[in-house]
Each structure stands twice: as C-alpha cells, then as structure tokens.
Amino acid sequence: MGTPDFAASHLEVLLQSNYNVVGVFSQPDRPKGRGRKLMPTPVKLVSLKYGIPVFQPDSVNTGDGFDTLCKLSPDVIITVAYGKLLKKRVIELPSLGCYNVHASLLPKYRGAAPIQRTLENGETKTGITIFKIDEGMDSGPIAMAESIDIEISDNFGTLFEKLKTLGIKMLLDFAGSLDNHRPFLIPQNDEEASFAPKILPEDLLLKDFSSATRVFNKIRAFDPAPGVRTSLGGEIIKLFGARPGAEETAGVDGEIVEIDDSGIVVSCGSGSVIISLVQFSGKKKMRPMDALSGRLLGKGMVLGG
C-alpha cells in the first residue's frame, strides 16, 4: 500500500526480487497540471508495468475496499507513504501483520512529511524505521531502525534519495527475515514523540529573515520542489540552492547585500545565507546574475518585505 515516488521505488524492488505481491492499494488518481488531467499515482504506474492488480478505493477500511482486501488474503501488508490510516479490522487481517516503512527515526517526526520537517528543524541525523502498524499515527512497535547523518549540503532532494536507498535495503532485509521468524518488536516511547504534519501552502511562505539558520533550513527543506516563496518588490519569488554565508554581515533582515557568480548574499540577523537560484512567477529557475542582468533583482532590495 503506497502512493508517491518514494513508495513506488520500494514496490518495484520487491517485485524485482520475486516477492509474491498479490495486490497493490494506492490512493485515487488526482487531477494535476494546468489541464487538471487525472494522473495515475507513481505506485499505480509500477503496478501496471508489472501486471499487478492495483486498487484505489476511497477507503480500504470499509465497503468494497475492505472486501477486495479480504479476497486477496494477504500474509503481510507493507505500507510506504500510503497516506491513509488503517483501522483495526485491516491491521488484524494478515497473519504476519501490517508494517510501515517510515522516513524518520521514530518516535520523532510521526506523520506525513518527515523528511521536510526534519530538515526544516535543522536535525543532524535521520533514518528509516520499520514498525508494526497499530491504530495510532506511526505509533506502533519498532521492528528495525537505522540512522544516517544529514550533511550541511543536503536538501529535500538529496535526503529523499538517501532515505529511499536505505529504506529499500531495509525492506528487503525485513521481508527476508519474515520467512524465518516473527520480528522482535520494541515499543515506542510516546513521551519522546514529535510530529511532521503535511505541508500546507502557508508552510512554503518565508517572511522572517531574522535568523540565518532558520532561513537556510527552511529553503533546503523544500528544495528542489515545491520551493519556498517570499516577496520581492511586490512580486513572488522562489528561492533554491541555499548555503550558509558569512557569520557577520551588514544589512537589514532580508536585504540583498551582494550579487555575484555564487548567488545572492542575503542578510539574516547576525549572519547571512547565499542563494544560488531564484525563480520568478512564470519563469524558469535562473542564476541571480542573470536576474540582475534582466533587472529582476538588484543589490539593496529586500526579501520578505
């Protein structure tokens, strides 16, 4: 059970490894793009590629969705970014249980957007947790967990790839172990839990440039997509390719104090952030020097004002 690219990669490796995937559940197709055309989910595309039955009920917990699941009679259910909570009747259906591959070190960052929230909060470590599903939000006992370091150069795109690779490796190890024994489970400590709620439009808006650390972390949490938005002279501009700048800089919060081949240097409190790519409405991402040549931005302009 899964929906986005992260889940599709895990499904494909299971299929390539000749596991008997009897069925796939994914969220219903959604309209996308300017034409609002219905687009299949990445997990559905992988299922169709391998000829695996794929089902997209509004709910797997009731009605036709649950009836279909019962007819498949699965030994184990694996969920990866499915986007829907499973109820007790589904959790108790497979003889070996239901397990989830989650992109954080639980109990930290339970919820829909663990990779983005981990970066946004400036964490230095993250990882993958495989846990047995209960009726809570990512709160079930842990079967496997493995950590990786978050580098200062990481953004959402690079960390996504690292966690996807780790998750696939761990899922194959976990699936193989089910042939021999039921996994040893360690309960989560709810007192240490934190949450990673889904990304809302307001989460992508950057207004406060008073802290270089916070600005840097917020930009990289949504880079390369969908991109953090801020205002510049009454226009909306997206910011990408952030890295820490000098610890001391002269300028008001959000002021562009330098533009060169490395990008724009933005004053943020007592420090600064260097931004290497910008995107104006209706235009592609561009180097700040090109935006300067096109008179789209200039030294002394203030972001977020």
Protein backbone atom coordinates (compact mmCIF):
# COMPACT_ATOMS: atom_id res chain seq x y z
CA MET A 1 0.00 0.00 0.00
CA GLY A 2 1.55 3.27 -1.12
CA THR A 3 1.15 6.30 -3.33
CA PRO A 4 4.12 8.60 -4.23
CA ASP A 5 7.55 8.06 -5.83
CA PHE A 6 9.13 7.02 -2.52
CA ALA A 7 6.66 4.14 -2.25
CA ALA A 8 6.90 3.20 -5.94
CA SER A 9 10.64 2.55 -5.63
CA HIS A 10 10.08 0.19 -2.69
CA LEU A 11 7.34 -1.69 -4.57
CA GLU A 12 9.48 -2.11 -7.68
CA VAL A 13 12.38 -3.63 -5.73
CA LEU A 14 10.02 -6.13 -4.06
CA LEU A 15 8.73 -7.14 -7.49
CA GLN A 16 12.23 -7.39 -8.95
CA SER A 17 13.16 -9.62 -6.01
CA ASN A 18 10.31 -12.01 -6.94
CA TYR A 19 8.16 -11.50 -3.88
CA ASN A 20 4.58 -12.61 -4.47
CA VAL A 21 2.80 -9.27 -4.38
CA VAL A 22 -0.85 -10.33 -4.71
CA GLY A 23 -2.23 -6.81 -4.92
CA VAL A 24 -1.43 -3.13 -4.58
CA PHE A 25 -3.52 -0.39 -3.00
CA SER A 26 -2.90 3.27 -3.84
CA GLN A 27 -4.79 6.50 -3.34
CA PRO A 28 -7.23 7.52 -6.10
CA ASP A 29 -5.79 9.34 -9.13
CA ARG A 30 -5.77 13.13 -8.71
CA PRO A 31 -6.01 15.93 -11.29
CA LYS A 32 -2.70 17.69 -11.90
CA GLY A 33 -1.24 20.44 -14.05
CA ARG A 34 -2.91 23.30 -15.85
CA GLY A 35 -5.26 20.97 -17.69
CA ARG A 36 -6.27 19.28 -14.42
CA LYS A 37 -5.90 15.89 -16.10
CA LEU A 38 -6.25 12.82 -13.92
CA MET A 39 -2.77 11.40 -13.35
CA PRO A 40 -2.02 7.88 -12.08
CA THR A 41 -0.05 7.65 -8.86
CA PRO A 42 3.61 6.52 -9.16
CA VAL A 43 2.73 3.30 -7.30
CA LYS A 44 -0.07 2.59 -9.77
CA LEU A 45 2.33 3.04 -12.70
CA VAL A 46 4.74 0.47 -11.24
CA SER A 47 1.86 -1.95 -10.61
CA LEU A 48 0.65 -1.67 -14.21
CA LYS A 49 4.21 -2.09 -15.52
CA TYR A 50 4.50 -5.47 -13.75
CA GLY A 51 0.89 -6.57 -14.29
CA ILE A 52 -0.01 -6.48 -10.59
CA PRO A 53 -3.67 -5.84 -9.70
CA VAL A 54 -3.99 -2.30 -8.36
CA PHE A 55 -6.93 -0.96 -6.36
CA GLN A 56 -7.71 2.66 -5.48
CA PRO A 57 -10.68 2.74 -3.09
CA ASP A 58 -11.55 5.86 -1.15
CA SER A 59 -11.21 3.64 1.93
CA VAL A 60 -9.53 0.29 2.49
CA ASN A 61 -11.18 0.05 5.90
CA THR A 62 -14.80 -0.27 4.76
CA GLY A 63 -17.02 -1.31 1.85
CA ASP A 64 -15.61 -2.58 -1.43
CA GLY A 65 -12.06 -1.64 -0.46
CA PHE A 66 -12.08 -3.91 2.59
CA ASP A 67 -13.93 -6.68 0.73
CA THR A 68 -11.28 -6.63 -2.01
CA LEU A 69 -8.52 -6.84 0.57
CA CYS A 70 -10.16 -9.82 2.25
CA LYS A 71 -10.40 -11.69 -1.07
CA LEU A 72 -6.67 -11.18 -1.65
CA SER A 73 -5.99 -12.87 1.74
CA PRO A 74 -2.53 -11.34 2.26
CA ASP A 75 0.03 -12.92 4.62
CA VAL A 76 1.55 -9.49 5.31
CA ILE A 77 0.72 -5.90 4.39
CA ILE A 78 3.53 -3.41 3.79
CA THR A 79 2.67 0.29 3.63
CA VAL A 80 5.01 3.01 2.38
CA ALA A 81 3.64 6.57 2.29
CA TYR A 82 0.10 5.32 1.61
CA GLY A 83 -1.44 8.45 3.07
CA LYS A 84 -4.35 6.73 4.83
CA LEU A 85 -4.64 5.28 8.35
CA LEU A 86 -5.53 1.61 8.68
CA LYS A 87 -8.26 0.55 11.09
CA LYS A 88 -8.26 -2.46 13.43
CA ARG A 89 -10.05 -4.84 11.04
CA VAL A 90 -7.37 -4.26 8.37
CA ILE A 91 -4.47 -4.40 10.84
CA GLU A 92 -5.65 -7.78 12.15
CA LEU A 93 -6.33 -9.30 8.72
CA PRO A 94 -2.88 -10.58 7.61
CA SER A 95 -1.39 -13.45 9.64
CA LEU A 96 2.07 -11.83 9.82
CA GLY A 97 0.76 -8.32 10.48
CA CYS A 98 0.94 -4.89 8.84
CA TYR A 99 4.24 -2.99 8.71
CA ASN A 100 5.19 0.51 7.61
CA VAL A 101 8.44 1.91 6.21
CA HIS A 102 8.75 5.42 7.64
CA ALA A 103 11.37 8.05 6.76
CA SER A 104 12.35 9.17 10.25
CA LEU A 105 13.80 7.79 13.48
CA LEU A 106 10.58 7.15 15.34
CA PRO A 107 9.12 8.30 17.63
CA LYS A 108 10.44 11.57 16.18
CA TYR A 109 8.59 13.01 13.19
CA ARG A 110 5.47 10.89 13.08
CA GLY A 111 3.23 11.98 10.24
CA ALA A 112 3.04 12.89 6.56
CA ALA A 113 6.18 14.97 5.91
CA PRO A 114 9.08 13.63 7.98
CA ILE A 115 11.86 14.45 5.51
CA GLN A 116 10.85 18.09 5.07
CA ARG A 117 10.20 18.70 8.77
CA THR A 118 13.50 17.07 9.75
CA LEU A 119 15.40 19.48 7.51
CA GLU A 120 13.26 22.46 8.47
CA ASN A 121 14.12 21.89 12.13
CA GLY A 122 17.85 21.61 11.47
CA GLU A 123 18.32 18.00 12.58
CA THR A 124 21.73 16.42 12.01
CA LYS A 125 20.54 12.80 11.96
CA THR A 126 17.56 10.96 10.50
CA GLY A 127 16.87 7.48 9.20
CA ILE A 128 14.35 4.78 8.38
CA THR A 129 12.09 2.96 10.82
CA ILE A 130 10.10 -0.17 10.01
CA PHE A 131 7.35 -0.66 12.59
CA LYS A 132 4.27 -2.77 13.13
CA ILE A 133 1.17 -0.71 12.49
CA ASP A 134 -1.34 -0.03 15.23
CA GLU A 135 -4.34 2.31 15.16
CA GLY A 136 -2.29 5.39 16.05
CA MET A 137 -0.28 7.75 13.84
CA ASP A 138 3.06 5.97 13.25
CA SER A 139 3.00 4.85 16.89
CA GLY A 140 3.40 1.06 16.64
CA PRO A 141 6.31 -1.00 17.99
CA ILE A 142 9.59 -0.87 16.08
CA ALA A 143 10.98 -3.86 14.17
CA MET A 144 14.03 -2.18 12.58
CA ALA A 145 15.64 1.27 12.61
CA GLU A 146 18.80 2.62 11.03
CA SER A 147 20.20 6.16 11.11
CA ILE A 148 22.16 8.33 8.67
CA ASP A 149 23.84 11.70 9.06
CA ILE A 150 22.32 14.81 7.48
CA GLU A 151 25.08 16.76 5.74
CA ILE A 152 25.10 20.56 5.58
CA SER A 153 24.87 20.16 1.78
CA ASP A 154 21.68 18.07 1.96
CA ASN A 155 18.32 19.38 0.82
CA PHE A 156 14.98 17.61 0.38
CA GLY A 157 16.05 16.13 -2.95
CA THR A 158 19.33 14.62 -1.77
CA LEU A 159 17.98 13.42 1.57
CA PHE A 160 14.97 11.85 -0.18
CA GLU A 161 17.33 9.78 -2.35
CA LYS A 162 19.49 8.71 0.61
CA LEU A 163 16.46 7.63 2.64
CA LYS A 164 14.88 5.88 -0.34
CA THR A 165 18.04 3.82 -0.84
CA LEU A 166 18.21 2.99 2.87
CA GLY A 167 14.51 2.14 3.03
CA ILE A 168 14.74 -0.26 0.10
CA LYS A 169 17.71 -2.06 1.64
CA MET A 170 15.97 -2.36 5.00
CA LEU A 171 12.67 -3.52 3.46
CA LEU A 172 14.44 -6.34 1.60
CA ASP A 173 16.20 -7.38 4.82
CA PHE A 174 12.92 -7.24 6.71
CA ALA A 175 10.94 -9.16 4.10
CA GLY A 176 13.61 -11.86 4.03
CA SER A 177 13.55 -12.21 7.80
CA LEU A 178 9.79 -12.91 7.80
CA ASP A 179 10.49 -16.31 6.25
CA ASN A 180 12.27 -17.41 9.42
CA HIS A 181 10.68 -15.69 12.39
CA ARG A 182 8.35 -13.00 13.57
CA PRO A 183 10.27 -9.78 14.21
CA PHE A 184 11.28 -8.74 17.71
CA LEU A 185 9.37 -5.53 18.46
CA ILE A 186 10.39 -2.62 20.69
CA PRO A 187 7.63 -0.26 21.91
CA GLN A 188 7.98 3.42 21.08
CA ASN A 189 8.36 5.98 23.86
CA ASP A 190 5.38 8.27 23.32
CA GLU A 191 6.91 10.90 25.60
CA GLU A 192 9.69 11.43 23.03
CA ALA A 193 7.29 11.74 20.08
CA SER A 194 7.28 14.70 17.70
CA PHE A 195 5.17 15.25 14.62
CA ALA A 196 5.62 16.06 10.94
CA PRO A 197 2.30 17.41 9.65
CA LYS A 198 1.54 17.58 5.93
CA ILE A 199 2.88 20.57 4.00
CA LEU A 200 0.36 23.40 3.67
CA PRO A 201 0.72 26.42 1.33
CA GLU A 202 1.47 28.72 4.26
CA ASP A 203 4.43 26.49 5.24
CA LEU A 204 6.14 27.47 1.98
CA LEU A 205 5.98 31.20 2.67
CA LEU A 206 9.17 32.79 4.05
CA LYS A 207 8.63 36.15 5.73
CA ASP A 208 11.06 36.16 8.66
CA PHE A 209 14.73 36.69 7.74
CA SER A 210 15.93 37.38 11.29
CA SER A 211 17.85 34.07 11.62
CA ALA A 212 20.30 32.76 9.02
CA THR A 213 19.98 29.23 10.38
CA ARG A 214 16.19 29.17 10.15
CA VAL A 215 16.20 30.69 6.65
CA PHE A 216 18.79 28.18 5.41
CA ASN A 217 16.90 25.21 6.87
CA LYS A 218 13.53 26.33 5.54
CA ILE A 219 14.81 26.82 1.99
CA ARG A 220 16.56 23.46 1.80
CA ALA A 221 13.56 21.63 3.30
CA PHE A 222 11.57 22.38 0.13
CA ASP A 223 14.35 22.29 -2.47
CA PRO A 224 14.13 21.30 -5.33
CA ALA A 225 10.34 21.20 -5.02
CA PRO A 226 7.98 22.83 -4.41
CA GLY A 227 10.25 25.72 -3.35
CA VAL A 228 9.98 28.32 -0.64
CA ARG A 229 8.20 31.54 -1.66
CA THR A 230 8.89 35.06 -0.49
CA SER A 231 8.10 38.56 -1.72
CA LEU A 232 10.40 40.94 -3.57
CA GLY A 233 9.13 44.34 -4.56
CA GLY A 234 5.54 43.15 -4.58
CA GLU A 235 6.34 40.02 -6.62
CA ILE A 236 6.53 36.41 -5.50
CA ILE A 237 9.94 34.79 -5.89
CA LYS A 238 11.07 31.23 -5.08
CA LEU A 239 14.47 30.51 -3.54
CA PHE A 240 16.71 27.47 -4.15
CA GLY A 241 20.27 26.32 -3.60
CA ALA A 242 20.82 27.87 -0.16
CA ARG A 243 24.00 27.54 1.85
CA PRO A 244 25.33 29.32 4.94
CA GLY A 245 27.13 32.62 4.31
CA ALA A 246 29.37 34.80 6.45
CA GLU A 247 28.61 34.90 10.16
CA GLU A 248 28.64 38.69 10.13
CA THR A 249 27.04 40.92 7.54
CA ALA A 250 25.80 44.47 7.21
CA GLY A 251 22.22 44.99 6.16
CA VAL A 252 18.65 44.80 7.36
CA ASP A 253 16.93 41.42 7.61
CA GLY A 254 16.24 40.06 4.12
CA GLU A 255 18.43 42.62 2.32
CA ILE A 256 20.41 41.51 -0.73
CA VAL A 257 23.87 42.77 0.22
CA GLU A 258 25.82 41.17 -2.65
CA ILE A 259 25.19 39.61 -6.06
CA ASP A 260 27.94 37.66 -7.82
CA ASP A 261 28.55 34.36 -9.61
CA SER A 262 27.98 32.41 -6.38
CA GLY A 263 24.47 33.84 -5.97
CA ILE A 264 22.84 36.47 -3.81
CA VAL A 265 24.03 37.12 -0.28
CA VAL A 266 21.04 37.82 1.95
CA SER A 267 21.46 39.44 5.36
CA CYS A 268 19.68 37.41 8.06
CA GLY A 269 20.03 38.73 11.58
CA SER A 270 23.68 38.49 12.59
CA GLY A 271 24.53 36.14 9.70
CA SER A 272 23.75 35.58 6.05
CA VAL A 273 22.55 33.00 3.54
CA ILE A 274 23.79 32.57 -0.03
CA ILE A 275 21.09 31.62 -2.55
CA SER A 276 22.27 30.28 -5.91
CA LEU A 277 18.97 30.03 -7.84
CA VAL A 278 15.81 32.14 -7.96
CA GLN A 279 12.53 31.70 -9.78
CA PHE A 280 10.06 34.44 -10.67
CA SER A 281 6.39 33.78 -11.48
CA GLY A 282 6.00 32.34 -14.96
CA LYS A 283 9.76 31.89 -15.42
CA LYS A 284 12.25 29.08 -15.04
CA LYS A 285 14.84 28.90 -12.29
CA MET A 286 17.75 31.23 -13.02
CA ARG A 287 21.10 32.34 -11.64
CA PRO A 288 20.88 35.61 -9.71
CA MET A 289 23.44 37.21 -12.07
CA ASP A 290 21.05 36.55 -14.97
CA ALA A 291 18.18 38.01 -12.95
CA LEU A 292 20.39 41.04 -12.26
CA SER A 293 21.08 41.44 -16.00
CA GLY A 294 17.34 41.28 -16.63
CA ARG A 295 16.74 43.90 -13.94
CA LEU A 296 14.59 41.48 -11.96
CA LEU A 297 16.59 41.98 -8.77
CA GLY A 298 19.37 44.20 -7.50
CA LYS A 299 21.65 44.90 -4.57
CA GLY A 300 19.84 46.65 -1.73
CA MET A 301 16.46 45.07 -2.49
CA VAL A 302 14.79 43.38 0.49
CA LEU A 303 13.21 39.92 0.51
CA GLY A 304 10.11 39.24 2.56
CA GLY A 305 9.13 42.86 2.95
